[in-house]
PDB file of N, CA and C in Angstrom:
ATOM      1  N   MET A   1       0.937  -1.267   0.158  1.00  0.00           N
ATOM      2  CA  MET A   1       0.130   0.038   0.012  1.00  0.00           C
ATOM      3  C   MET A   1       0.880   1.258  -0.173  1.00  0.00           C
ATOM      4  N   THR A   2       0.775   2.053  -0.894  1.00  0.00           N
ATOM      5  CA  THR A   2       1.501   3.369  -1.048  1.00  0.00           C
ATOM      6  C   THR A   2       0.597   4.434  -0.771  1.00  0.00           C
ATOM      7  N   ILE A   3       1.058   5.360   0.236  1.00  0.00           N
ATOM      8  CA  ILE A   3       0.195   6.360   0.735  1.00  0.00           C
ATOM      9  C   ILE A   3       0.990   7.782   0.571  1.00  0.00           C
ATOM     10  N   ASP A   4       0.392   8.685   0.244  1.00  0.00           N
ATOM     11  CA  ASP A   4       0.749  10.128   0.239  1.00  0.00           C
ATOM     12  C   ASP A   4       0.336  10.926   1.518  1.00  0.00           C
ATOM     13  N   ALA A   5       1.383  10.737   2.572  1.00  0.00           N
ATOM     14  CA  ALA A   5       1.240  11.251   3.805  1.00  0.00           C
ATOM     15  C   ALA A   5       0.671  12.681   3.777  1.00  0.00           C
ATOM     16  N   GLU A   6       1.046  13.652   2.957  1.00  0.00           N
ATOM     17  CA  GLU A   6       0.682  14.952   2.925  1.00  0.00           C
ATOM     18  C   GLU A   6      -0.677  15.187   2.697  1.00  0.00           C
ATOM     19  N   LYS A   7      -1.460  14.095   2.063  1.00  0.00           N
ATOM     20  CA  LYS A   7      -2.989  14.141   1.727  1.00  0.00           C
ATOM     21  C   LYS A   7      -3.773  13.607   2.881  1.00  0.00           C
ATOM     22  N   LEU A   8      -3.071  13.044   3.900  1.00  0.00           N
ATOM     23  CA  LEU A   8      -3.922  12.473   4.916  1.00  0.00           C
ATOM     24  C   LEU A   8      -4.292  13.467   5.948  1.00  0.00           C
ATOM     25  N   GLU A   9      -5.468  13.528   6.529  1.00  0.00           N
ATOM     26  CA  GLU A   9      -5.877  14.481   7.544  1.00  0.00           C
ATOM     27  C   GLU A   9      -5.547  13.784   8.669  1.00  0.00           C
ATOM     28  N   VAL A  10      -4.686  15.004   9.658  1.00  0.00           N
ATOM     29  CA  VAL A  10      -4.402  14.968  10.893  1.00  0.00           C
ATOM     30  C   VAL A  10      -5.359  15.494  11.767  1.00  0.00           C
ATOM     31  N   VAL A  11      -5.905  14.444  12.845  1.00  0.00           N
ATOM     32  CA  VAL A  11      -6.831  15.124  13.694  1.00  0.00           C
ATOM     33  C   VAL A  11      -6.116  15.316  15.091  1.00  0.00           C
ATOM     34  N   HIS A  12      -6.300  16.572  15.625  1.00  0.00           N
ATOM     35  CA  HIS A  12      -6.126  16.823  16.948  1.00  0.00           C
ATOM     36  C   HIS A  12      -7.123  16.533  17.809  1.00  0.00           C
ATOM     37  N   ASP A  13      -6.852  15.584  18.866  1.00  0.00           N
ATOM     38  CA  ASP A  13      -7.597  15.182  20.154  1.00  0.00           C
ATOM     39  C   ASP A  13      -7.043  15.631  21.105  1.00  0.00           C
ATOM     40  N   PRO A  14      -7.382  17.013  21.609  1.00  0.00           N
ATOM     41  CA  PRO A  14      -6.712  17.515  23.009  1.00  0.00           C
ATOM     42  C   PRO A  14      -7.238  16.649  24.216  1.00  0.00           C
ATOM     43  N   GLN A  15      -8.516  16.238  24.303  1.00  0.00           N
ATOM     44  CA  GLN A  15      -8.803  15.432  25.231  1.00  0.00           C
ATOM     45  C   GLN A  15      -8.102  14.298  25.667  1.00  0.00           C
ATOM     46  N   ALA A  16      -7.754  13.546  24.597  1.00  0.00           N
ATOM     47  CA  ALA A  16      -6.788  12.363  24.598  1.00  0.00           C
ATOM     48  C   ALA A  16      -5.345  12.746  24.605  1.00  0.00           C
ATOM     49  N   GLY A  17      -5.092  13.955  24.331  1.00  0.00           N
ATOM     50  CA  GLY A  17      -3.698  14.301  24.118  1.00  0.00           C
ATOM     51  C   GLY A  17      -2.899  13.722  23.149  1.00  0.00           C
ATOM     52  N   ARG A  18      -3.389  13.711  21.886  1.00  0.00           N
ATOM     53  CA  ARG A  18      -2.758  13.336  20.876  1.00  0.00           C
ATOM     54  C   ARG A  18      -3.150  13.873  19.295  1.00  0.00           C
ATOM     55  N   PHE A  19      -2.528  13.856  18.365  1.00  0.00           N
ATOM     56  CA  PHE A  19      -2.493  14.105  16.991  1.00  0.00           C
ATOM     57  C   PHE A  19      -2.723  12.459  16.332  1.00  0.00           C
ATOM     58  N   GLN A  20      -3.521  12.336  15.500  1.00  0.00           N
ATOM     59  CA  GLN A  20      -3.788  11.045  14.778  1.00  0.00           C
ATOM     60  C   GLN A  20      -4.003  10.973  13.400  1.00  0.00           C
ATOM     61  N   ILE A  21      -3.814  10.002  12.741  1.00  0.00           N
ATOM     62  CA  ILE A  21      -4.098   9.788  11.454  1.00  0.00           C
ATOM     63  C   ILE A  21      -4.648   8.382  11.286  1.00  0.00           C
ATOM     64  N   GLU A  22      -5.893   8.287  10.636  1.00  0.00           N
ATOM     65  CA  GLU A  22      -6.255   6.914  10.486  1.00  0.00           C
ATOM     66  C   GLU A  22      -6.387   6.702   8.932  1.00  0.00           C
ATOM     67  N   VAL A  23      -6.101   5.453   8.870  1.00  0.00           N
ATOM     68  CA  VAL A  23      -6.027   4.994   7.343  1.00  0.00           C
ATOM     69  C   VAL A  23      -6.616   3.523   7.465  1.00  0.00           C
ATOM     70  N   GLY A  24      -7.641   3.534   6.975  1.00  0.00           N
ATOM     71  CA  GLY A  24      -8.607   2.184   7.024  1.00  0.00           C
ATOM     72  C   GLY A  24      -8.724   1.686   8.342  1.00  0.00           C
ATOM     73  N   GLN A  25      -8.288   0.578   8.839  1.00  0.00           N
ATOM     74  CA  GLN A  25      -8.410   0.094  10.173  1.00  0.00           C
ATOM     75  C   GLN A  25      -7.135   0.539  11.104  1.00  0.00           C
ATOM     76  N   TRP A  26      -6.306   1.286  10.599  1.00  0.00           N
ATOM     77  CA  TRP A  26      -5.063   1.619  11.362  1.00  0.00           C
ATOM     78  C   TRP A  26      -5.072   2.934  11.852  1.00  0.00           C
ATOM     79  N   MET A  27      -4.671   3.245  12.749  1.00  0.00           N
ATOM     80  CA  MET A  27      -4.413   4.603  13.297  1.00  0.00           C
ATOM     81  C   MET A  27      -3.049   4.923  13.911  1.00  0.00           C
ATOM     82  N   ALA A  28      -2.306   6.013  13.440  1.00  0.00           N
ATOM     83  CA  ALA A  28      -0.857   6.509  13.840  1.00  0.00           C
ATOM     84  C   ALA A  28      -1.262   7.518  14.622  1.00  0.00           C
ATOM     85  N   VAL A  29      -0.290   7.486  15.697  1.00  0.00           N
ATOM     86  CA  VAL A  29      -0.562   8.453  16.728  1.00  0.00           C
ATOM     87  C   VAL A  29       0.608   9.324  17.145  1.00  0.00           C
ATOM     88  N   LEU A  30       0.650  10.643  17.687  1.00  0.00           N
ATOM     89  CA  LEU A  30       1.330  11.265  18.344  1.00  0.00           C
ATOM     90  C   LEU A  30       1.065  11.744  19.689  1.00  0.00           C
ATOM     91  N   ASN A  31       1.505  11.160  20.740  1.00  0.00           N
ATOM     92  CA  ASN A  31       0.971  11.431  21.996  1.00  0.00           C
ATOM     93  C   ASN A  31       1.663  12.639  22.677  1.00  0.00           C
ATOM     94  N   TYR A  32       0.955  13.135  23.557  1.00  0.00           N
ATOM     95  CA  TYR A  32       1.755  14.442  24.416  1.00  0.00           C
ATOM     96  C   TYR A  32       0.886  14.487  25.605  1.00  0.00           C
ATOM     97  N   GLU A  33       1.527  15.353  26.367  1.00  0.00           N
ATOM     98  CA  GLU A  33       1.180  15.737  27.895  1.00  0.00           C
ATOM     99  C   GLU A  33       1.342  17.296  28.107  1.00  0.00           C
ATOM    100  N   MET A  34       0.430  17.804  28.658  1.00  0.00           N
ATOM    101  CA  MET A  34       0.717  19.300  28.809  1.00  0.00           C
ATOM    102  C   MET A  34       1.365  19.426  30.261  1.00  0.00           C
ATOM    103  N   GLU A  35       2.253  20.336  30.274  1.00  0.00           N
ATOM    104  CA  GLU A  35       2.729  20.934  31.517  1.00  0.00           C
ATOM    105  C   GLU A  35       2.944  22.446  31.356  1.00  0.00           C
ATOM    106  N   GLY A  36       1.800  23.060  31.703  1.00  0.00           N
ATOM    107  CA  GLY A  36       1.751  24.461  31.802  1.00  0.00           C
ATOM    108  C   GLY A  36       1.637  24.770  30.303  1.00  0.00           C
ATOM    109  N   ASN A  37       2.686  25.466  29.881  1.00  0.00           N
ATOM    110  CA  ASN A  37       2.873  25.865  28.518  1.00  0.00           C
ATOM    111  C   ASN A  37       3.721  25.187  27.681  1.00  0.00           C
ATOM    112  N   VAL A  38       4.060  23.781  28.147  1.00  0.00           N
ATOM    113  CA  VAL A  38       5.118  23.141  27.475  1.00  0.00           C
ATOM    114  C   VAL A  38       4.351  21.798  27.132  1.00  0.00           C
ATOM    115  N   MET A  39       4.586  21.443  25.719  1.00  0.00           N
ATOM    116  CA  MET A  39       3.956  20.033  25.188  1.00  0.00           C
ATOM    117  C   MET A  39       5.229  19.216  25.428  1.00  0.00           C
ATOM    118  N   VAL A  40       4.783  18.073  26.142  1.00  0.00           N
ATOM    119  CA  VAL A  40       5.817  17.025  26.273  1.00  0.00           C
ATOM    120  C   VAL A  40       5.339  15.853  25.295  1.00  0.00           C
ATOM    121  N   PHE A  41       6.208  15.623  23.974  1.00  0.00           N
ATOM    122  CA  PHE A  41       5.463  14.656  23.181  1.00  0.00           C
ATOM    123  C   PHE A  41       6.311  13.279  23.718  1.00  0.00           C
ATOM    124  N   THR A  42       5.356  12.419  23.968  1.00  0.00           N
ATOM    125  CA  THR A  42       5.941  11.122  24.833  1.00  0.00           C
ATOM    126  C   THR A  42       5.946   9.854  23.614  1.00  0.00           C
ATOM    127  N   HIS A  43       5.244   9.892  22.591  1.00  0.00           N
ATOM    128  CA  HIS A  43       5.275   8.625  21.927  1.00  0.00           C
ATOM    129  C   HIS A  43       4.716   8.957  20.467  1.00  0.00           C
ATOM    130  N   THR A  44       5.532   8.427  19.527  1.00  0.00           N
ATOM    131  CA  THR A  44       4.887   8.589  18.225  1.00  0.00           C
ATOM    132  C   THR A  44       4.755   6.895  17.944  1.00  0.00           C
ATOM    133  N   GLY A  45       3.567   6.673  17.399  1.00  0.00           N
ATOM    134  CA  GLY A  45       3.137   5.235  16.893  1.00  0.00           C
ATOM    135  C   GLY A  45       2.524   4.952  15.771  1.00  0.00           C
ATOM    136  N   VAL A  46       3.250   4.485  14.882  1.00  0.00           N
ATOM    137  CA  VAL A  46       2.746   4.133  13.609  1.00  0.00           C
ATOM    138  C   VAL A  46       2.577   2.513  13.244  1.00  0.00           C
ATOM    139  N   PRO A  47       1.442   2.225  12.968  1.00  0.00           N
ATOM    140  CA  PRO A  47       1.401   0.721  12.694  1.00  0.00           C
ATOM    141  C   PRO A  47       2.307   0.040  11.661  1.00  0.00           C
ATOM    142  N   LEU A  48       2.615  -1.098  11.694  1.00  0.00           N
ATOM    143  CA  LEU A  48       3.683  -1.742  10.984  1.00  0.00           C
ATOM    144  C   LEU A  48       3.109  -1.421   9.496  1.00  0.00           C
ATOM    145  N   GLN A  49       1.976  -1.821   9.215  1.00  0.00           N
ATOM    146  CA  GLN A  49       1.272  -1.551   8.014  1.00  0.00           C
ATOM    147  C   GLN A  49       1.616  -0.352   7.203  1.00  0.00           C
ATOM    148  N   LEU A  50       1.588   0.860   7.970  1.00  0.00           N
ATOM    149  CA  LEU A  50       1.888   2.295   7.554  1.00  0.00           C
ATOM    150  C   LEU A  50       3.248   2.692   7.576  1.00  0.00           C
ATOM    151  N   GLU A  51       4.209   1.985   8.068  1.00  0.00           N
ATOM    152  CA  GLU A  51       5.636   2.429   8.396  1.00  0.00           C
ATOM    153  C   GLU A  51       6.115   2.848   7.096  1.00  0.00           C
ATOM    154  N   ALA A  52       7.339   3.801   7.035  1.00  0.00           N
ATOM    155  CA  ALA A  52       8.032   4.020   5.851  1.00  0.00           C
ATOM    156  C   ALA A  52       7.261   4.770   4.758  1.00  0.00           C
ATOM    157  N   GLN A  53       6.416   5.672   5.069  1.00  0.00           N
ATOM    158  CA  GLN A  53       5.524   6.373   4.007  1.00  0.00           C
ATOM    159  C   GLN A  53       5.419   7.753   4.633  1.00  0.00           C
ATOM    160  N   GLY A  54       6.171   8.100   5.431  1.00  0.00           N
ATOM    161  CA  GLY A  54       6.265   9.658   6.127  1.00  0.00           C
ATOM    162  C   GLY A  54       4.927  10.082   7.001  1.00  0.00           C
ATOM    163  N   ILE A  55       4.195   9.045   7.497  1.00  0.00           N
ATOM    164  CA  ILE A  55       3.217   9.225   8.282  1.00  0.00           C
ATOM    165  C   ILE A  55       3.618   9.677   9.642  1.00  0.00           C
ATOM    166  N   GLY A  56       4.509   9.053  10.270  1.00  0.00           N
ATOM    167  CA  GLY A  56       5.193   9.627  11.701  1.00  0.00           C
ATOM    168  C   GLY A  56       5.650  11.154  11.460  1.00  0.00           C
ATOM    169  N   SER A  57       6.364  11.410  10.380  1.00  0.00           N
ATOM    170  CA  SER A  57       6.971  12.722  10.103  1.00  0.00           C
ATOM    171  C   SER A  57       5.938  13.687   9.998  1.00  0.00           C
ATOM    172  N   ARG A  58       4.736  13.362   9.094  1.00  0.00           N
ATOM    173  CA  ARG A  58       3.536  14.129   9.167  1.00  0.00           C
ATOM    174  C   ARG A  58       2.905  14.695  10.451  1.00  0.00           C
ATOM    175  N   LEU A  59       2.873  13.406  11.393  1.00  0.00           N
ATOM    176  CA  LEU A  59       2.412  13.487  12.895  1.00  0.00           C
ATOM    177  C   LEU A  59       3.249  14.633  13.599  1.00  0.00           C
ATOM    178  N   VAL A  60       4.538  14.453  13.451  1.00  0.00           N
ATOM    179  CA  VAL A  60       5.465  15.143  14.243  1.00  0.00           C
ATOM    180  C   VAL A  60       5.418  16.628  13.765  1.00  0.00           C
ATOM    181  N   LYS A  61       5.384  16.921  12.522  1.00  0.00           N
ATOM    182  CA  LYS A  61       5.555  18.296  11.919  1.00  0.00           C
ATOM    183  C   LYS A  61       4.449  19.017  12.386  1.00  0.00           C
ATOM    184  N   THR A  62       3.056  18.333  12.192  1.00  0.00           N
ATOM    185  CA  THR A  62       1.799  18.989  12.619  1.00  0.00           C
ATOM    186  C   THR A  62       1.912  19.328  13.994  1.00  0.00           C
ATOM    187  N   GLY A  63       2.424  18.230  15.065  1.00  0.00           N
ATOM    188  CA  GLY A  63       2.500  18.649  16.391  1.00  0.00           C
ATOM    189  C   GLY A  63       3.265  19.726  16.558  1.00  0.00           C
ATOM    190  N   LEU A  64       4.746  19.701  16.082  1.00  0.00           N
ATOM    191  CA  LEU A  64       5.342  21.018  16.153  1.00  0.00           C
ATOM    192  C   LEU A  64       4.987  22.175  15.695  1.00  0.00           C
ATOM    193  N   GLU A  65       4.187  22.215  14.702  1.00  0.00           N
ATOM    194  CA  GLU A  65       3.600  23.535  14.229  1.00  0.00           C
ATOM    195  C   GLU A  65       2.576  24.070  14.984  1.00  0.00           C
ATOM    196  N   TYR A  66       1.662  23.003  15.711  1.00  0.00           N
ATOM    197  CA  TYR A  66       0.580  23.441  16.456  1.00  0.00           C
ATOM    198  C   TYR A  66       1.236  24.255  17.737  1.00  0.00           C
ATOM    199  N   ALA A  67       2.471  23.472  18.307  1.00  0.00           N
ATOM    200  CA  ALA A  67       3.062  24.069  19.600  1.00  0.00           C
ATOM    201  C   ALA A  67       3.675  25.356  19.223  1.00  0.00           C
ATOM    202  N   ARG A  68       4.133  25.606  18.158  1.00  0.00           N
ATOM    203  CA  ARG A  68       4.804  26.996  17.654  1.00  0.00           C
ATOM    204  C   ARG A  68       3.485  28.029  17.559  1.00  0.00           C
ATOM    205  N   GLN A  69       2.437  27.557  16.946  1.00  0.00           N
ATOM    206  CA  GLN A  69       1.311  28.477  16.695  1.00  0.00           C
ATOM    207  C   GLN A  69       0.698  28.975  18.048  1.00  0.00           C
ATOM    208  N   GLN A  70       0.893  28.103  19.115  1.00  0.00           N
ATOM    209  CA  GLN A  70       0.353  28.242  20.413  1.00  0.00           C
ATOM    210  C   GLN A  70       1.352  28.929  21.263  1.00  0.00           C
ATOM    211  N   SER A  71       2.489  29.131  20.837  1.00  0.00           N
ATOM    212  CA  SER A  71       3.510  29.677  21.583  1.00  0.00           C
ATOM    213  C   SER A  71       3.991  28.825  22.681  1.00  0.00           C
ATOM    214  N   TYR A  72       3.804  27.629  22.469  1.00  0.00           N
ATOM    215  CA  TYR A  72       4.109  26.705  23.543  1.00  0.00           C
ATOM    216  C   TYR A  72       5.828  26.129  23.157  1.00  0.00           C
ATOM    217  N   LYS A  73       6.269  25.893  24.447  1.00  0.00           N
ATOM    218  CA  LYS A  73       7.600  25.192  24.361  1.00  0.00           C
ATOM    219  C   LYS A  73       7.450  23.585  24.213  1.00  0.00           C
ATOM    220  N   VAL A  74       8.525  22.895  23.873  1.00  0.00           N
ATOM    221  CA  VAL A  74       8.379  21.281  23.378  1.00  0.00           C
ATOM    222  C   VAL A  74       9.426  20.838  24.104  1.00  0.00           C
ATOM    223  N   ILE A  75       8.982  19.635  24.714  1.00  0.00           N
ATOM    224  CA  ILE A  75       9.986  18.609  25.359  1.00  0.00           C
ATOM    225  C   ILE A  75       9.908  17.249  24.398  1.00  0.00           C
ATOM    226  N   PRO A  76      10.952  16.976  23.515  1.00  0.00           N
ATOM    227  CA  PRO A  76      10.652  15.838  22.575  1.00  0.00           C
ATOM    228  C   PRO A  76      11.257  14.611  23.494  1.00  0.00           C
ATOM    229  N   ALA A  77      10.212  14.005  24.410  1.00  0.00           N
ATOM    230  CA  ALA A  77      10.609  12.741  25.098  1.00  0.00           C
ATOM    231  C   ALA A  77      10.297  11.400  24.221  1.00  0.00           C
ATOM    232  N   CYS A  78      10.438  11.661  22.773  1.00  0.00           N
ATOM    233  CA  CYS A  78      10.097  10.261  22.303  1.00  0.00           C
ATOM    234  C   CYS A  78      11.521  10.242  21.331  1.00  0.00           C
ATOM    235  N   GLU A  79      12.136   9.285  20.976  1.00  0.00           N
ATOM    236  CA  GLU A  79      13.246   9.236  19.984  1.00  0.00           C
ATOM    237  C   GLU A  79      12.716   9.516  18.789  1.00  0.00           C
ATOM    238  N   PHE A  80      11.732   9.201  18.185  1.00  0.00           N
ATOM    239  CA  PHE A  80      11.314   9.671  16.866  1.00  0.00           C
ATOM    240  C   PHE A  80      11.152  11.179  16.506  1.00  0.00           C
ATOM    241  N   MET A  81      10.549  11.750  17.705  1.00  0.00           N
ATOM    242  CA  MET A  81      10.475  13.444  17.659  1.00  0.00           C
ATOM    243  C   MET A  81      11.929  13.873  17.646  1.00  0.00           C
ATOM    244  N   GLU A  82      12.650  13.457  18.654  1.00  0.00           N
ATOM    245  CA  GLU A  82      14.091  13.782  18.712  1.00  0.00           C
ATOM    246  C   GLU A  82      14.823  13.856  17.360  1.00  0.00           C
ATOM    247  N   ALA A  83      14.861  12.645  16.651  1.00  0.00           N
ATOM    248  CA  ALA A  83      15.216  12.453  15.534  1.00  0.00           C
ATOM    249  C   ALA A  83      14.915  13.563  14.381  1.00  0.00           C
ATOM    250  N   TYR A  84      13.668  13.663  14.411  1.00  0.00           N
ATOM    251  CA  TYR A  84      13.023  14.639  13.271  1.00  0.00           C
ATOM    252  C   TYR A  84      13.412  16.004  13.532  1.00  0.00           C
ATOM    253  N   ILE A  85      13.512  16.493  14.711  1.00  0.00           N
ATOM    254  CA  ILE A  85      14.051  17.694  15.109  1.00  0.00           C
ATOM    255  C   ILE A  85      15.474  17.896  14.761  1.00  0.00           C
ATOM    256  N   ARG A  86      16.091  16.850  15.102  1.00  0.00           N
ATOM    257  CA  ARG A  86      17.725  16.957  14.710  1.00  0.00           C
ATOM    258  C   ARG A  86      17.930  17.171  13.006  1.00  0.00           C
ATOM    259  N   ARG A  87      16.862  16.424  12.226  1.00  0.00           N
ATOM    260  CA  ARG A  87      16.752  16.580  10.682  1.00  0.00           C
ATOM    261  C   ARG A  87      16.192  18.113  10.445  1.00  0.00           C
ATOM    262  N   HIS A  88      15.552  18.687  11.153  1.00  0.00           N
ATOM    263  CA  HIS A  88      14.765  19.856  10.960  1.00  0.00           C
ATOM    264  C   HIS A  88      15.138  21.018  12.072  1.00  0.00           C
ATOM    265  N   PRO A  89      16.241  21.486  11.983  1.00  0.00           N
ATOM    266  CA  PRO A  89      16.708  22.369  13.042  1.00  0.00           C
ATOM    267  C   PRO A  89      15.763  23.907  13.147  1.00  0.00           C
ATOM    268  N   GLU A  90      14.856  23.885  12.200  1.00  0.00           N
ATOM    269  CA  GLU A  90      14.211  25.134  12.068  1.00  0.00           C
ATOM    270  C   GLU A  90      13.040  24.995  13.228  1.00  0.00           C
ATOM    271  N   TYR A  91      13.157  23.730  14.203  1.00  0.00           N
ATOM    272  CA  TYR A  91      12.226  23.687  15.270  1.00  0.00           C
ATOM    273  C   TYR A  91      12.758  23.960  16.652  1.00  0.00           C
ATOM    274  N   LYS A  92      14.243  23.924  16.633  1.00  0.00           N
ATOM    275  CA  LYS A  92      15.111  23.937  17.594  1.00  0.00           C
ATOM    276  C   LYS A  92      14.941  25.332  18.614  1.00  0.00           C
ATOM    277  N   ASP A  93      14.361  26.373  18.087  1.00  0.00           N
ATOM    278  CA  ASP A  93      14.197  27.608  18.696  1.00  0.00           C
ATOM    279  C   ASP A  93      13.134  27.416  19.901  1.00  0.00           C
ATOM    280  N   PHE A  94      12.309  26.499  19.875  1.00  0.00           N
ATOM    281  CA  PHE A  94      11.225  26.227  20.924  1.00  0.00           C
ATOM    282  C   PHE A  94      11.159  25.108  21.781  1.00  0.00           C
ATOM    283  N   VAL A  95      12.299  24.354  21.598  1.00  0.00           N
ATOM    284  CA  VAL A  95      12.665  23.069  22.124  1.00  0.00           C
ATOM    285  C   VAL A  95      13.545  23.155  23.247  1.00  0.00           C
ATOM    286  N   VAL A  96      12.910  22.629  24.416  1.00  0.00           N
ATOM    287  CA  VAL A  96      13.460  22.584  25.749  1.00  0.00           C
ATOM    288  C   VAL A  96      14.102  21.257  26.273  1.00  0.00           C
ATOM    289  N   GLY A  97      15.011  21.356  26.978  1.00  0.00           N
ATOM    290  CA  GLY A  97      15.228  19.884  27.471  1.00  0.00           C
ATOM    291  C   GLY A  97      16.017  18.946  26.692  1.00  0.00           C
TER     292      GLY A  97
END
């Protein structure tokens, strides 16, 4: 299955503390917790069937853009998020920790 991640809808569910993308029966998620004005991103999860198609990166980028728009700081407590920020230094200005 080939997917264009940029065309997928990212849904923000603040009650659950996550951003999510649903593709068929699968759901990819970016979980976070709020600590004041800091978003602590705790987990990026992409089902095996959806891996290596840019879905995790799409979730992380959406989460980071949301944090920037809200003037939140970010703590990347997830390895995938940390790696994404290393590859995209334009987000380092509001990353703490």
